[in-house]
Amino acid sequence: PHHIHRIQKIMLIARAIQTILQAYVPLTALVSDRIYHARAAQQASKPYIVYNVSNVAPINRLPGRACADQVYTEYLVVSTDDDQVLQVATQLRNALDRVAPGTYAGVSLGRTMFNSMEGPQIDDEDDTVLVTMSYDTIINN
């Protein structure tokens, strides 16, 4: 079924994102290995990043298989203070903006484009500061 193929594709894309982010030393210097897909580990030390593949859409509308998909990804940076959350967000953006087209964890990536950034926002409930970012990435099929 189509939805199983879509879930597999999302998991592959998530693995490619993880590979890219874990390989960027200025980012891992700040968050270590606290880069999570979909949900952070319980009681995760801050700062950390949670990313999610929110949508995968075919680029061409012609009959047959699309030659590429547009993938929408969202990133949440969680920290305990404004300065740190902005440092992590800056290095996250540096990591993603430097992604050259190529194959990462078996996924053929085209260009990656910054979409938006919101925050910092303070979450008084658990004393955290949040920045949200979104990106579009072209995946070659």
C-alpha atoms as a PDB file:
ATOM      1  CA  PRO A   1       0.000   0.000   0.000  1.00  0.00           C
ATOM      2  CA  HIS A   2       0.972   3.593  -0.707  1.00  0.00           C
ATOM      3  CA  HIS A   3       0.989   4.734   2.948  1.00  0.00           C
ATOM      4  CA  ILE A   4       3.547   2.063   3.910  1.00  0.00           C
ATOM      5  CA  HIS A   5       5.831   3.264   1.117  1.00  0.00           C
ATOM      6  CA  ARG A   6       5.403   6.830   2.431  1.00  0.00           C
ATOM      7  CA  ILE A   7       6.286   5.788   6.022  1.00  0.00           C
ATOM      8  CA  GLN A   8       9.391   3.954   4.770  1.00  0.00           C
ATOM      9  CA  LYS A   9      10.402   7.045   2.793  1.00  0.00           C
ATOM     10  CA  ILE A  10       9.958   9.284   5.858  1.00  0.00           C
ATOM     11  CA  MET A  11      12.121   6.950   7.947  1.00  0.00           C
ATOM     12  CA  LEU A  12      14.852   6.957   5.275  1.00  0.00           C
ATOM     13  CA  ILE A  13      14.750  10.753   5.058  1.00  0.00           C
ATOM     14  CA  ALA A  14      14.910  10.961   8.867  1.00  0.00           C
ATOM     15  CA  ARG A  15      18.023   8.750   8.834  1.00  0.00           C
ATOM     16  CA  ALA A  16      19.623  11.021   6.203  1.00  0.00           C
ATOM     17  CA  ILE A  17      18.887  14.119   8.339  1.00  0.00           C
ATOM     18  CA  GLN A  18      20.327  12.388  11.406  1.00  0.00           C
ATOM     19  CA  THR A  19      23.486  11.515   9.447  1.00  0.00           C
ATOM     20  CA  ILE A  20      23.918  15.115   8.239  1.00  0.00           C
ATOM     21  CA  LEU A  21      23.356  16.691  11.653  1.00  0.00           C
ATOM     22  CA  GLN A  22      25.510  14.206  13.602  1.00  0.00           C
ATOM     23  CA  ALA A  23      28.385  14.832  11.172  1.00  0.00           C
ATOM     24  CA  TYR A  24      28.403  18.617  11.736  1.00  0.00           C
ATOM     25  CA  VAL A  25      30.897  19.142  14.577  1.00  0.00           C
ATOM     26  CA  PRO A  26      29.948  22.758  15.489  1.00  0.00           C
ATOM     27  CA  LEU A  27      26.409  21.466  16.145  1.00  0.00           C
ATOM     28  CA  THR A  28      27.343  18.300  18.046  1.00  0.00           C
ATOM     29  CA  ALA A  29      29.750  20.391  20.146  1.00  0.00           C
ATOM     30  CA  LEU A  30      26.605  22.042  21.561  1.00  0.00           C
ATOM     31  CA  VAL A  31      24.055  19.180  21.640  1.00  0.00           C
ATOM     32  CA  SER A  32      26.283  16.078  21.637  1.00  0.00           C
ATOM     33  CA  ASP A  33      24.112  13.194  20.343  1.00  0.00           C
ATOM     34  CA  ARG A  34      20.834  14.776  21.538  1.00  0.00           C
ATOM     35  CA  ILE A  35      19.311  14.992  18.064  1.00  0.00           C
ATOM     36  CA  TYR A  36      15.990  13.173  18.000  1.00  0.00           C
ATOM     37  CA  HIS A  37      13.504  12.186  15.316  1.00  0.00           C
ATOM     38  CA  ALA A  38       9.857  12.910  16.223  1.00  0.00           C
ATOM     39  CA  ARG A  39      10.227  12.875  20.024  1.00  0.00           C
ATOM     40  CA  ALA A  40      12.992  13.590  22.507  1.00  0.00           C
ATOM     41  CA  ALA A  41      14.101  10.997  25.007  1.00  0.00           C
ATOM     42  CA  GLN A  42      12.373  11.423  28.353  1.00  0.00           C
ATOM     43  CA  GLN A  43      14.333  13.704  30.674  1.00  0.00           C
ATOM     44  CA  ALA A  44      16.737  14.579  27.835  1.00  0.00           C
ATOM     45  CA  SER A  45      19.418  17.054  28.882  1.00  0.00           C
ATOM     46  CA  LYS A  46      19.130  20.452  27.237  1.00  0.00           C
ATOM     47  CA  PRO A  47      19.973  21.703  24.707  1.00  0.00           C
ATOM     48  CA  TYR A  48      18.579  19.248  22.188  1.00  0.00           C
ATOM     49  CA  ILE A  49      16.951  19.138  18.759  1.00  0.00           C
ATOM     50  CA  VAL A  50      13.807  17.327  17.669  1.00  0.00           C
ATOM     51  CA  TYR A  51      13.132  17.089  13.933  1.00  0.00           C
ATOM     52  CA  ASN A  52      10.178  15.794  12.008  1.00  0.00           C
ATOM     53  CA  VAL A  53       9.417  15.076   8.370  1.00  0.00           C
ATOM     54  CA  SER A  54       6.006  16.727   8.141  1.00  0.00           C
ATOM     55  CA  ASN A  55       5.138  16.151   4.481  1.00  0.00           C
ATOM     56  CA  VAL A  56       6.404  14.459   1.320  1.00  0.00           C
ATOM     57  CA  ALA A  57       4.856  15.656  -1.952  1.00  0.00           C
ATOM     58  CA  PRO A  58       5.654  14.608  -5.549  1.00  0.00           C
ATOM     59  CA  ILE A  59       7.085  17.416  -7.654  1.00  0.00           C
ATOM     60  CA  ASN A  60       5.819  16.490 -11.098  1.00  0.00           C
ATOM     61  CA  ARG A  61       2.137  15.948 -11.766  1.00  0.00           C
ATOM     62  CA  LEU A  62       2.675  13.846 -14.885  1.00  0.00           C
ATOM     63  CA  PRO A  63       1.421  10.249 -15.076  1.00  0.00           C
ATOM     64  CA  GLY A  64       3.824   7.698 -13.652  1.00  0.00           C
ATOM     65  CA  ARG A  65       6.312   7.963 -10.849  1.00  0.00           C
ATOM     66  CA  ALA A  66       7.501  11.432  -9.854  1.00  0.00           C
ATOM     67  CA  CYS A  67      11.182  12.024 -10.555  1.00  0.00           C
ATOM     68  CA  ALA A  68      11.536  13.947  -7.280  1.00  0.00           C
ATOM     69  CA  ASP A  69       9.674  14.738  -4.076  1.00  0.00           C
ATOM     70  CA  GLN A  70       9.567  17.918  -2.049  1.00  0.00           C
ATOM     71  CA  VAL A  71      10.074  17.135   1.634  1.00  0.00           C
ATOM     72  CA  TYR A  72       9.012  19.526   4.380  1.00  0.00           C
ATOM     73  CA  THR A  73      10.953  19.209   7.625  1.00  0.00           C
ATOM     74  CA  GLU A  74      10.537  20.967  10.951  1.00  0.00           C
ATOM     75  CA  TYR A  75      13.148  21.384  13.666  1.00  0.00           C
ATOM     76  CA  LEU A  76      12.581  22.298  17.297  1.00  0.00           C
ATOM     77  CA  VAL A  77      15.559  23.553  19.306  1.00  0.00           C
ATOM     78  CA  VAL A  78      15.051  23.264  23.068  1.00  0.00           C
ATOM     79  CA  SER A  79      17.296  24.945  25.617  1.00  0.00           C
ATOM     80  CA  THR A  80      17.328  26.585  29.021  1.00  0.00           C
ATOM     81  CA  ASP A  81      18.362  30.078  27.914  1.00  0.00           C
ATOM     82  CA  ASP A  82      18.089  32.522  25.007  1.00  0.00           C
ATOM     83  CA  ASP A  83      21.794  32.680  24.144  1.00  0.00           C
ATOM     84  CA  GLN A  84      22.194  28.919  24.012  1.00  0.00           C
ATOM     85  CA  VAL A  85      19.021  28.310  21.983  1.00  0.00           C
ATOM     86  CA  LEU A  86      20.184  30.853  19.397  1.00  0.00           C
ATOM     87  CA  GLN A  87      23.689  29.311  19.258  1.00  0.00           C
ATOM     88  CA  VAL A  88      22.184  25.883  18.589  1.00  0.00           C
ATOM     89  CA  ALA A  89      19.679  27.273  16.054  1.00  0.00           C
ATOM     90  CA  THR A  90      22.528  29.073  14.232  1.00  0.00           C
ATOM     91  CA  GLN A  91      24.627  25.894  14.021  1.00  0.00           C
ATOM     92  CA  LEU A  92      21.590  23.857  12.977  1.00  0.00           C
ATOM     93  CA  ARG A  93      20.982  26.298  10.156  1.00  0.00           C
ATOM     94  CA  ASN A  94      24.690  26.239   9.236  1.00  0.00           C
ATOM     95  CA  ALA A  95      24.589  22.428   9.089  1.00  0.00           C
ATOM     96  CA  LEU A  96      21.496  22.365   6.862  1.00  0.00           C
ATOM     97  CA  ASP A  97      22.513  25.310   4.649  1.00  0.00           C
ATOM     98  CA  ARG A  98      25.834  23.578   3.880  1.00  0.00           C
ATOM     99  CA  VAL A  99      24.234  20.333   2.680  1.00  0.00           C
ATOM    100  CA  ALA A 100      25.541  19.678  -0.813  1.00  0.00           C
ATOM    101  CA  PRO A 101      23.394  17.608  -3.183  1.00  0.00           C
ATOM    102  CA  GLY A 102      24.428  13.986  -2.834  1.00  0.00           C
ATOM    103  CA  THR A 103      23.574  10.700  -1.191  1.00  0.00           C
ATOM    104  CA  TYR A 104      23.171  10.601   2.586  1.00  0.00           C
ATOM    105  CA  ALA A 105      22.262   7.335   4.350  1.00  0.00           C
ATOM    106  CA  GLY A 106      21.069   5.974   1.003  1.00  0.00           C
ATOM    107  CA  VAL A 107      18.857   8.985   0.174  1.00  0.00           C
ATOM    108  CA  SER A 108      19.622  11.137  -2.895  1.00  0.00           C
ATOM    109  CA  LEU A 109      19.186  14.737  -1.772  1.00  0.00           C
ATOM    110  CA  GLY A 110      18.852  17.662  -4.124  1.00  0.00           C
ATOM    111  CA  ARG A 111      18.927  21.166  -2.718  1.00  0.00           C
ATOM    112  CA  THR A 112      17.899  22.099   0.818  1.00  0.00           C
ATOM    113  CA  MET A 113      16.144  25.438   1.307  1.00  0.00           C
ATOM    114  CA  PHE A 114      15.537  27.391   4.502  1.00  0.00           C
ATOM    115  CA  ASN A 115      11.864  28.241   4.968  1.00  0.00           C
ATOM    116  CA  SER A 116      11.238  29.952   8.283  1.00  0.00           C
ATOM    117  CA  MET A 117      12.322  30.453  11.874  1.00  0.00           C
ATOM    118  CA  GLU A 118      10.184  31.353  14.878  1.00  0.00           C
ATOM    119  CA  GLY A 119      11.279  32.248  18.372  1.00  0.00           C
ATOM    120  CA  PRO A 120      12.889  32.273  20.763  1.00  0.00           C
ATOM    121  CA  GLN A 121       9.726  31.538  22.715  1.00  0.00           C
ATOM    122  CA  ILE A 122       9.717  30.859  26.441  1.00  0.00           C
ATOM    123  CA  ASP A 123       7.766  27.895  27.775  1.00  0.00           C
ATOM    124  CA  ASP A 124       7.207  28.830  31.424  1.00  0.00           C
ATOM    125  CA  GLU A 125       5.711  25.446  32.241  1.00  0.00           C
ATOM    126  CA  ASP A 126       9.021  23.597  32.084  1.00  0.00           C
ATOM    127  CA  ASP A 127      11.391  26.589  31.987  1.00  0.00           C
ATOM    128  CA  THR A 128      12.616  26.085  28.432  1.00  0.00           C
ATOM    129  CA  VAL A 129      13.326  28.347  25.478  1.00  0.00           C
ATOM    130  CA  LEU A 130      12.269  27.147  22.024  1.00  0.00           C
ATOM    131  CA  VAL A 131      13.160  27.983  18.435  1.00  0.00           C
ATOM    132  CA  THR A 132      11.278  26.379  15.540  1.00  0.00           C
ATOM    133  CA  MET A 133      12.713  26.179  12.018  1.00  0.00           C
ATOM    134  CA  SER A 134      11.434  24.671   8.800  1.00  0.00           C
ATOM    135  CA  TYR A 135      13.130  23.560   5.596  1.00  0.00           C
ATOM    136  CA  ASP A 136      12.202  22.189   2.178  1.00  0.00           C
ATOM    137  CA  THR A 137      14.416  19.540   0.630  1.00  0.00           C
ATOM    138  CA  ILE A 138      14.263  17.958  -2.815  1.00  0.00           C
ATOM    139  CA  ILE A 139      14.642  14.172  -2.795  1.00  0.00           C
ATOM    140  CA  ASN A 140      15.496  12.504  -6.100  1.00  0.00           C
ATOM    141  CA  ASN A 141      13.565   9.274  -6.721  1.00  0.00           C
END
